[in-house]
Amino acid sequence: MKYICLMKFRKKPTREMISQNLEWIEKDKKMGVKIDAIYWTLGRYDAVVIFDAPDEKTAMRMGLERAENLSAETMVAIPAEEARRLVE
């Protein structure tokens, strides 16, 4: 299942935070998560992560692990072609 996560830093990012995040990404891989892209952004959110996870609980666990450093809003992403079929 594909997800999009919009993130805001709770505090100024540090090298330690970035290093910790890289460790979490490796842990996520072991839980079956595949990160497609990570973007740091300007505007309302500081980062956007696009990823696949086996289920909603795994996606939620990712956000909870990072809650000290980030606030996150995670959405299920449905491919446009699948959504169009629902309308037909």
PDB file of N, CA and C in Angstrom:
ATOM      1  N   MET A   1       0.840  -1.160   0.000  1.00  0.00           N
ATOM      2  CA  MET A   1       0.000   0.000   0.000  1.00  0.00           C
ATOM      3  C   MET A   1       0.897   1.238   0.000  1.00  0.00           C
ATOM      4  N   LYS A   2       0.538   2.213  -0.810  1.00  0.00           N
ATOM      5  CA  LYS A   2       1.336   3.437  -0.961  1.00  0.00           C
ATOM      6  C   LYS A   2       0.839   4.505   0.019  1.00  0.00           C
ATOM      7  N   TYR A   3       1.794   5.236   0.609  1.00  0.00           N
ATOM      8  CA  TYR A   3       1.482   6.305   1.556  1.00  0.00           C
ATOM      9  C   TYR A   3       2.268   7.560   1.203  1.00  0.00           C
ATOM     10  N   ILE A   4       1.701   8.705   1.593  1.00  0.00           N
ATOM     11  CA  ILE A   4       2.393   9.988   1.508  1.00  0.00           C
ATOM     12  C   ILE A   4       2.376  10.570   2.913  1.00  0.00           C
ATOM     13  N   CYS A   5       3.535  10.963   3.400  1.00  0.00           N
ATOM     14  CA  CYS A   5       3.650  11.506   4.749  1.00  0.00           C
ATOM     15  C   CYS A   5       4.189  12.931   4.671  1.00  0.00           C
ATOM     16  N   LEU A   6       3.440  13.866   5.248  1.00  0.00           N
ATOM     17  CA  LEU A   6       3.850  15.268   5.320  1.00  0.00           C
ATOM     18  C   LEU A   6       4.385  15.511   6.724  1.00  0.00           C
ATOM     19  N   MET A   7       5.602  16.048   6.826  1.00  0.00           N
ATOM     20  CA  MET A   7       6.259  16.174   8.127  1.00  0.00           C
ATOM     21  C   MET A   7       6.681  17.604   8.429  1.00  0.00           C
ATOM     22  N   LYS A   8       6.648  17.927   9.736  1.00  0.00           N
ATOM     23  CA  LYS A   8       7.170  19.198  10.239  1.00  0.00           C
ATOM     24  C   LYS A   8       8.173  18.873  11.340  1.00  0.00           C
ATOM     25  N   PHE A   9       9.307  19.546  11.306  1.00  0.00           N
ATOM     26  CA  PHE A   9      10.295  19.358  12.367  1.00  0.00           C
ATOM     27  C   PHE A   9       9.781  20.016  13.642  1.00  0.00           C
ATOM     28  N   ARG A  10       9.943  19.352  14.769  1.00  0.00           N
ATOM     29  CA  ARG A  10       9.560  19.940  16.058  1.00  0.00           C
ATOM     30  C   ARG A  10      10.647  20.888  16.568  1.00  0.00           C
ATOM     31  N   LYS A  11      11.867  20.669  16.095  1.00  0.00           N
ATOM     32  CA  LYS A  11      12.991  21.530  16.463  1.00  0.00           C
ATOM     33  C   LYS A  11      13.946  21.582  15.285  1.00  0.00           C
ATOM     34  N   LYS A  12      14.920  22.453  15.370  1.00  0.00           N
ATOM     35  CA  LYS A  12      15.888  22.593  14.283  1.00  0.00           C
ATOM     36  C   LYS A  12      16.608  21.261  14.055  1.00  0.00           C
ATOM     37  N   PRO A  13      16.650  20.794  12.792  1.00  0.00           N
ATOM     38  CA  PRO A  13      17.339  19.529  12.509  1.00  0.00           C
ATOM     39  C   PRO A  13      18.830  19.608  12.854  1.00  0.00           C
ATOM     40  N   THR A  14      19.340  18.527  13.395  1.00  0.00           N
ATOM     41  CA  THR A  14      20.767  18.423  13.712  1.00  0.00           C
ATOM     42  C   THR A  14      21.339  17.210  12.984  1.00  0.00           C
ATOM     43  N   ARG A  15      22.641  17.115  12.972  1.00  0.00           N
ATOM     44  CA  ARG A  15      23.288  15.946  12.363  1.00  0.00           C
ATOM     45  C   ARG A  15      22.876  14.663  13.084  1.00  0.00           C
ATOM     46  N   GLU A  16      22.703  14.767  14.400  1.00  0.00           N
ATOM     47  CA  GLU A  16      22.291  13.593  15.171  1.00  0.00           C
ATOM     48  C   GLU A  16      20.891  13.139  14.760  1.00  0.00           C
ATOM     49  N   MET A  17      19.981  14.099  14.554  1.00  0.00           N
ATOM     50  CA  MET A  17      18.622  13.756  14.117  1.00  0.00           C
ATOM     51  C   MET A  17      18.652  13.076  12.754  1.00  0.00           C
ATOM     52  N   ILE A  18      19.463  13.596  11.859  1.00  0.00           N
ATOM     53  CA  ILE A  18      19.562  13.015  10.519  1.00  0.00           C
ATOM     54  C   ILE A  18      20.142  11.607  10.601  1.00  0.00           C
ATOM     55  N   SER A  19      21.164  11.425  11.417  1.00  0.00           N
ATOM     56  CA  SER A  19      21.765  10.103  11.602  1.00  0.00           C
ATOM     57  C   SER A  19      20.745   9.124  12.184  1.00  0.00           C
ATOM     58  N   GLN A  20      19.978   9.591  13.170  1.00  0.00           N
ATOM     59  CA  GLN A  20      18.946   8.750  13.772  1.00  0.00           C
ATOM     60  C   GLN A  20      17.890   8.367  12.740  1.00  0.00           C
ATOM     61  N   ASN A  21      17.519   9.307  11.887  1.00  0.00           N
ATOM     62  CA  ASN A  21      16.526   9.025  10.855  1.00  0.00           C
ATOM     63  C   ASN A  21      17.040   7.963   9.880  1.00  0.00           C
ATOM     64  N   LEU A  22      18.320   8.028   9.536  1.00  0.00           N
ATOM     65  CA  LEU A  22      18.894   7.010   8.647  1.00  0.00           C
ATOM     66  C   LEU A  22      18.839   5.624   9.293  1.00  0.00           C
ATOM     67  N   GLU A  23      19.040   5.569  10.612  1.00  0.00           N
ATOM     68  CA  GLU A  23      18.918   4.297  11.333  1.00  0.00           C
ATOM     69  C   GLU A  23      17.481   3.794  11.287  1.00  0.00           C
ATOM     70  N   TRP A  24      16.511   4.708  11.454  1.00  0.00           N
ATOM     71  CA  TRP A  24      15.093   4.328  11.389  1.00  0.00           C
ATOM     72  C   TRP A  24      14.738   3.792  10.009  1.00  0.00           C
ATOM     73  N   ILE A  25      15.284   4.404   8.971  1.00  0.00           N
ATOM     74  CA  ILE A  25      15.001   3.950   7.602  1.00  0.00           C
ATOM     75  C   ILE A  25      15.462   2.506   7.422  1.00  0.00           C
ATOM     76  N   GLU A  26      16.632   2.174   7.954  1.00  0.00           N
ATOM     77  CA  GLU A  26      17.116   0.789   7.871  1.00  0.00           C
ATOM     78  C   GLU A  26      16.193  -0.155   8.644  1.00  0.00           C
ATOM     79  N   LYS A  27      15.725   0.283   9.800  1.00  0.00           N
ATOM     80  CA  LYS A  27      14.789  -0.522  10.593  1.00  0.00           C
ATOM     81  C   LYS A  27      13.473  -0.690   9.834  1.00  0.00           C
ATOM     82  N   ASP A  28      13.014   0.387   9.193  1.00  0.00           N
ATOM     83  CA  ASP A  28      11.771   0.329   8.412  1.00  0.00           C
ATOM     84  C   ASP A  28      11.868  -0.715   7.302  1.00  0.00           C
ATOM     85  N   LYS A  29      13.021  -0.786   6.647  1.00  0.00           N
ATOM     86  CA  LYS A  29      13.212  -1.769   5.570  1.00  0.00           C
ATOM     87  C   LYS A  29      12.982  -3.184   6.084  1.00  0.00           C
ATOM     88  N   LYS A  30      13.438  -3.456   7.300  1.00  0.00           N
ATOM     89  CA  LYS A  30      13.272  -4.788   7.885  1.00  0.00           C
ATOM     90  C   LYS A  30      11.807  -5.095   8.181  1.00  0.00           C
ATOM     91  N   MET A  31      10.972  -4.047   8.321  1.00  0.00           N
ATOM     92  CA  MET A  31       9.533  -4.233   8.554  1.00  0.00           C
ATOM     93  C   MET A  31       8.758  -4.284   7.240  1.00  0.00           C
ATOM     94  N   GLY A  32       9.479  -4.260   6.109  1.00  0.00           N
ATOM     95  CA  GLY A  32       8.819  -4.350   4.813  1.00  0.00           C
ATOM     96  C   GLY A  32       8.475  -3.022   4.176  1.00  0.00           C
ATOM     97  N   VAL A  33       9.027  -1.936   4.710  1.00  0.00           N
ATOM     98  CA  VAL A  33       8.761  -0.602   4.162  1.00  0.00           C
ATOM     99  C   VAL A  33       9.755  -0.303   3.048  1.00  0.00           C
ATOM    100  N   LYS A  34       9.245   0.244   1.949  1.00  0.00           N
ATOM    101  CA  LYS A  34      10.101   0.674   0.841  1.00  0.00           C
ATOM    102  C   LYS A  34       9.875   2.169   0.648  1.00  0.00           C
ATOM    103  N   ILE A  35      10.899   2.958   0.892  1.00  0.00           N
ATOM    104  CA  ILE A  35      10.790   4.405   0.720  1.00  0.00           C
ATOM    105  C   ILE A  35      11.102   4.742  -0.729  1.00  0.00           C
ATOM    106  N   ASP A  36      10.127   5.354  -1.402  1.00  0.00           N
ATOM    107  CA  ASP A  36      10.298   5.753  -2.803  1.00  0.00           C
ATOM    108  C   ASP A  36      11.059   7.064  -2.914  1.00  0.00           C
ATOM    109  N   ALA A  37      10.735   8.021  -2.032  1.00  0.00           N
ATOM    110  CA  ALA A  37      11.374   9.337  -2.122  1.00  0.00           C
ATOM    111  C   ALA A  37      11.228  10.081  -0.805  1.00  0.00           C
ATOM    112  N   ILE A  38      12.235  10.891  -0.499  1.00  0.00           N
ATOM    113  CA  ILE A  38      12.193  11.819   0.628  1.00  0.00           C
ATOM    114  C   ILE A  38      12.587  13.182   0.078  1.00  0.00           C
ATOM    115  N   TYR A  39      11.742  14.176   0.327  1.00  0.00           N
ATOM    116  CA  TYR A  39      12.019  15.540  -0.120  1.00  0.00           C
ATOM    117  C   TYR A  39      11.955  16.481   1.074  1.00  0.00           C
ATOM    118  N   TRP A  40      12.926  17.355   1.199  1.00  0.00           N
ATOM    119  CA  TRP A  40      12.817  18.469   2.131  1.00  0.00           C
ATOM    120  C   TRP A  40      12.146  19.580   1.345  1.00  0.00           C
ATOM    121  N   THR A  41      11.184  20.254   1.962  1.00  0.00           N
ATOM    122  CA  THR A  41      10.363  21.203   1.223  1.00  0.00           C
ATOM    123  C   THR A  41      10.313  22.569   1.899  1.00  0.00           C
ATOM    124  N   LEU A  42       9.929  23.557   1.122  1.00  0.00           N
ATOM    125  CA  LEU A  42       9.673  24.900   1.629  1.00  0.00           C
ATOM    126  C   LEU A  42       8.165  25.039   1.810  1.00  0.00           C
ATOM    127  N   GLY A  43       7.758  25.872   2.743  1.00  0.00           N
ATOM    128  CA  GLY A  43       6.326  26.085   2.913  1.00  0.00           C
ATOM    129  C   GLY A  43       5.798  25.467   4.193  1.00  0.00           C
ATOM    130  N   ARG A  44       4.550  25.036   4.144  1.00  0.00           N
ATOM    131  CA  ARG A  44       3.840  24.554   5.326  1.00  0.00           C
ATOM    132  C   ARG A  44       4.496  23.330   5.969  1.00  0.00           C
ATOM    133  N   TYR A  45       5.042  22.442   5.155  1.00  0.00           N
ATOM    134  CA  TYR A  45       5.687  21.228   5.662  1.00  0.00           C
ATOM    135  C   TYR A  45       7.180  21.278   5.364  1.00  0.00           C
ATOM    136  N   ASP A  46       7.955  20.619   6.217  1.00  0.00           N
ATOM    137  CA  ASP A  46       9.411  20.612   6.060  1.00  0.00           C
ATOM    138  C   ASP A  46       9.910  19.443   5.222  1.00  0.00           C
ATOM    139  N   ALA A  47       9.120  18.382   5.162  1.00  0.00           N
ATOM    140  CA  ALA A  47       9.541  17.198   4.404  1.00  0.00           C
ATOM    141  C   ALA A  47       8.321  16.421   3.927  1.00  0.00           C
ATOM    142  N   VAL A  48       8.512  15.715   2.818  1.00  0.00           N
ATOM    143  CA  VAL A  48       7.496  14.817   2.266  1.00  0.00           C
ATOM    144  C   VAL A  48       8.171  13.473   2.025  1.00  0.00           C
ATOM    145  N   VAL A  49       7.534  12.405   2.492  1.00  0.00           N
ATOM    146  CA  VAL A  49       8.057  11.060   2.283  1.00  0.00           C
ATOM    147  C   VAL A  49       6.988  10.250   1.555  1.00  0.00           C
ATOM    148  N   ILE A  50       7.387   9.593   0.483  1.00  0.00           N
ATOM    149  CA  ILE A  50       6.495   8.714  -0.273  1.00  0.00           C
ATOM    150  C   ILE A  50       7.029   7.301  -0.075  1.00  0.00           C
ATOM    151  N   PHE A  51       6.158   6.409   0.412  1.00  0.00           N
ATOM    152  CA  PHE A  51       6.635   5.063   0.731  1.00  0.00           C
ATOM    153  C   PHE A  51       5.540   4.018   0.577  1.00  0.00           C
ATOM    154  N   ASP A  52       5.972   2.765   0.510  1.00  0.00           N
ATOM    155  CA  ASP A  52       5.081   1.609   0.526  1.00  0.00           C
ATOM    156  C   ASP A  52       5.274   0.908   1.861  1.00  0.00           C
ATOM    157  N   ALA A  53       4.163   0.480   2.452  1.00  0.00           N
ATOM    158  CA  ALA A  53       4.210  -0.297   3.689  1.00  0.00           C
ATOM    159  C   ALA A  53       3.222  -1.450   3.575  1.00  0.00           C
ATOM    160  N   PRO A  54       3.494  -2.548   4.272  1.00  0.00           N
ATOM    161  CA  PRO A  54       2.616  -3.712   4.164  1.00  0.00           C
ATOM    162  C   PRO A  54       1.191  -3.452   4.657  1.00  0.00           C
ATOM    163  N   ASP A  55       1.045  -2.547   5.653  1.00  0.00           N
ATOM    164  CA  ASP A  55      -0.283  -2.289   6.210  1.00  0.00           C
ATOM    165  C   ASP A  55      -0.281  -0.966   6.973  1.00  0.00           C
ATOM    166  N   GLU A  56      -1.476  -0.573   7.447  1.00  0.00           N
ATOM    167  CA  GLU A  56      -1.633   0.699   8.148  1.00  0.00           C
ATOM    168  C   GLU A  56      -0.872   0.727   9.469  1.00  0.00           C
ATOM    169  N   LYS A  57      -0.817  -0.389  10.164  1.00  0.00           N
ATOM    170  CA  LYS A  57      -0.128  -0.422  11.455  1.00  0.00           C
ATOM    171  C   LYS A  57       1.360  -0.155  11.286  1.00  0.00           C
ATOM    172  N   THR A  58       1.942  -0.701  10.249  1.00  0.00           N
ATOM    173  CA  THR A  58       3.362  -0.456   9.984  1.00  0.00           C
ATOM    174  C   THR A  58       3.584   1.013   9.655  1.00  0.00           C
ATOM    175  N   ALA A  59       2.710   1.591   8.842  1.00  0.00           N
ATOM    176  CA  ALA A  59       2.826   3.014   8.498  1.00  0.00           C
ATOM    177  C   ALA A  59       2.693   3.873   9.752  1.00  0.00           C
ATOM    178  N   MET A  60       1.776   3.520  10.633  1.00  0.00           N
ATOM    179  CA  MET A  60       1.587   4.279  11.869  1.00  0.00           C
ATOM    180  C   MET A  60       2.807   4.166  12.773  1.00  0.00           C
ATOM    181  N   ARG A  61       3.391   2.985  12.839  1.00  0.00           N
ATOM    182  CA  ARG A  61       4.575   2.778  13.677  1.00  0.00           C
ATOM    183  C   ARG A  61       5.715   3.707  13.254  1.00  0.00           C
ATOM    184  N   MET A  62       5.846   3.914  11.944  1.00  0.00           N
ATOM    185  CA  MET A  62       6.902   4.808  11.448  1.00  0.00           C
ATOM    186  C   MET A  62       6.734   6.205  12.035  1.00  0.00           C
ATOM    187  N   GLY A  63       5.513   6.720  12.027  1.00  0.00           N
ATOM    188  CA  GLY A  63       5.259   8.053  12.567  1.00  0.00           C
ATOM    189  C   GLY A  63       5.473   8.130  14.064  1.00  0.00           C
ATOM    190  N   LEU A  64       5.040   7.104  14.774  1.00  0.00           N
ATOM    191  CA  LEU A  64       5.185   7.102  16.229  1.00  0.00           C
ATOM    192  C   LEU A  64       6.647   7.079  16.653  1.00  0.00           C
ATOM    193  N   GLU A  65       7.479   6.356  15.916  1.00  0.00           N
ATOM    194  CA  GLU A  65       8.903   6.292  16.259  1.00  0.00           C
ATOM    195  C   GLU A  65       9.582   7.648  16.116  1.00  0.00           C
ATOM    196  N   ARG A  66       9.069   8.472  15.224  1.00  0.00           N
ATOM    197  CA  ARG A  66       9.697   9.758  14.946  1.00  0.00           C
ATOM    198  C   ARG A  66       9.016  10.924  15.664  1.00  0.00           C
ATOM    199  N   ALA A  67       8.037  10.638  16.510  1.00  0.00           N
ATOM    200  CA  ALA A  67       7.202  11.680  17.116  1.00  0.00           C
ATOM    201  C   ALA A  67       7.979  12.685  17.958  1.00  0.00           C
ATOM    202  N   GLU A  68       9.090  12.285  18.522  1.00  0.00           N
ATOM    203  CA  GLU A  68       9.878  13.215  19.330  1.00  0.00           C
ATOM    204  C   GLU A  68      10.468  14.331  18.468  1.00  0.00           C
ATOM    205  N   ASN A  69      10.855  14.000  17.248  1.00  0.00           N
ATOM    206  CA  ASN A  69      11.516  14.961  16.368  1.00  0.00           C
ATOM    207  C   ASN A  69      10.595  15.590  15.332  1.00  0.00           C
ATOM    208  N   LEU A  70       9.504  14.888  14.983  1.00  0.00           N
ATOM    209  CA  LEU A  70       8.657  15.327  13.873  1.00  0.00           C
ATOM    210  C   LEU A  70       7.184  15.185  14.213  1.00  0.00           C
ATOM    211  N   SER A  71       6.376  16.073  13.665  1.00  0.00           N
ATOM    212  CA  SER A  71       4.937  15.817  13.625  1.00  0.00           C
ATOM    213  C   SER A  71       4.635  15.393  12.197  1.00  0.00           C
ATOM    214  N   ALA A  72       3.697  14.475  12.041  1.00  0.00           N
ATOM    215  CA  ALA A  72       3.465  13.903  10.716  1.00  0.00           C
ATOM    216  C   ALA A  72       1.979  13.746  10.433  1.00  0.00           C
ATOM    217  N   GLU A  73       1.648  13.908   9.171  1.00  0.00           N
ATOM    218  CA  GLU A  73       0.307  13.624   8.663  1.00  0.00           C
ATOM    219  C   GLU A  73       0.495  12.619   7.534  1.00  0.00           C
ATOM    220  N   THR A  74      -0.027  11.412   7.726  1.00  0.00           N
ATOM    221  CA  THR A  74       0.172  10.338   6.755  1.00  0.00           C
ATOM    222  C   THR A  74      -1.144  10.023   6.062  1.00  0.00           C
ATOM    223  N   MET A  75      -1.076   9.891   4.746  1.00  0.00           N
ATOM    224  CA  MET A  75      -2.260   9.623   3.936  1.00  0.00           C
ATOM    225  C   MET A  75      -2.037   8.388   3.085  1.00  0.00           C
ATOM    226  N   VAL A  76      -3.104   7.624   2.867  1.00  0.00           N
ATOM    227  CA  VAL A  76      -3.061   6.521   1.907  1.00  0.00           C
ATOM    228  C   VAL A  76      -3.138   7.145   0.523  1.00  0.00           C
ATOM    229  N   ALA A  77      -2.302   6.676  -0.392  1.00  0.00           N
ATOM    230  CA  ALA A  77      -2.296   7.192  -1.768  1.00  0.00           C
ATOM    231  C   ALA A  77      -2.834   6.110  -2.701  1.00  0.00           C
ATOM    232  N   ILE A  78      -3.890   6.448  -3.425  1.00  0.00           N
ATOM    233  CA  ILE A  78      -4.496   5.517  -4.377  1.00  0.00           C
ATOM    234  C   ILE A  78      -4.150   5.998  -5.779  1.00  0.00           C
ATOM    235  N   PRO A  79      -3.552   5.136  -6.604  1.00  0.00           N
ATOM    236  CA  PRO A  79      -3.210   5.549  -7.971  1.00  0.00           C
ATOM    237  C   PRO A  79      -4.447   6.065  -8.713  1.00  0.00           C
ATOM    238  N   ALA A  80      -4.256   7.086  -9.533  1.00  0.00           N
ATOM    239  CA  ALA A  80      -5.363   7.719 -10.249  1.00  0.00           C
ATOM    240  C   ALA A  80      -6.149   6.716 -11.079  1.00  0.00           C
ATOM    241  N   GLU A  81      -5.452   5.764 -11.737  1.00  0.00           N
ATOM    242  CA  GLU A  81      -6.187   4.811 -12.572  1.00  0.00           C
ATOM    243  C   GLU A  81      -7.141   3.958 -11.744  1.00  0.00           C
ATOM    244  N   GLU A  82      -6.731   3.583 -10.533  1.00  0.00           N
ATOM    245  CA  GLU A  82      -7.616   2.809  -9.659  1.00  0.00           C
ATOM    246  C   GLU A  82      -8.799   3.651  -9.195  1.00  0.00           C
ATOM    247  N   ALA A  83      -8.543   4.905  -8.858  1.00  0.00           N
ATOM    248  CA  ALA A  83      -9.616   5.796  -8.417  1.00  0.00           C
ATOM    249  C   ALA A  83     -10.625   6.024  -9.539  1.00  0.00           C
ATOM    250  N   ARG A  84     -10.149   6.172 -10.776  1.00  0.00           N
ATOM    251  CA  ARG A  84     -11.061   6.364 -11.915  1.00  0.00           C
ATOM    252  C   ARG A  84     -11.974   5.161 -12.090  1.00  0.00           C
ATOM    253  N   ARG A  85     -11.449   3.961 -11.872  1.00  0.00           N
ATOM    254  CA  ARG A  85     -12.279   2.752 -12.003  1.00  0.00           C
ATOM    255  C   ARG A  85     -13.407   2.737 -10.975  1.00  0.00           C
ATOM    256  N   LEU A  86     -13.182   3.336  -9.820  1.00  0.00           N
ATOM    257  CA  LEU A  86     -14.229   3.407  -8.800  1.00  0.00           C
ATOM    258  C   LEU A  86     -15.387   4.289  -9.250  1.00  0.00           C
ATOM    259  N   VAL A  87     -15.087   5.271 -10.088  1.00  0.00           N
ATOM    260  CA  VAL A  87     -16.101   6.204 -10.567  1.00  0.00           C
ATOM    261  C   VAL A  87     -16.894   5.608 -11.720  1.00  0.00           C
ATOM    262  N   GLU A  88     -16.275   4.761 -12.508  1.00  0.00           N
ATOM    263  CA  GLU A  88     -16.932   4.195 -13.702  1.00  0.00           C
ATOM    264  C   GLU A  88     -18.019   3.217 -13.343  1.00  0.00           C
TER     265      GLU A  88
END
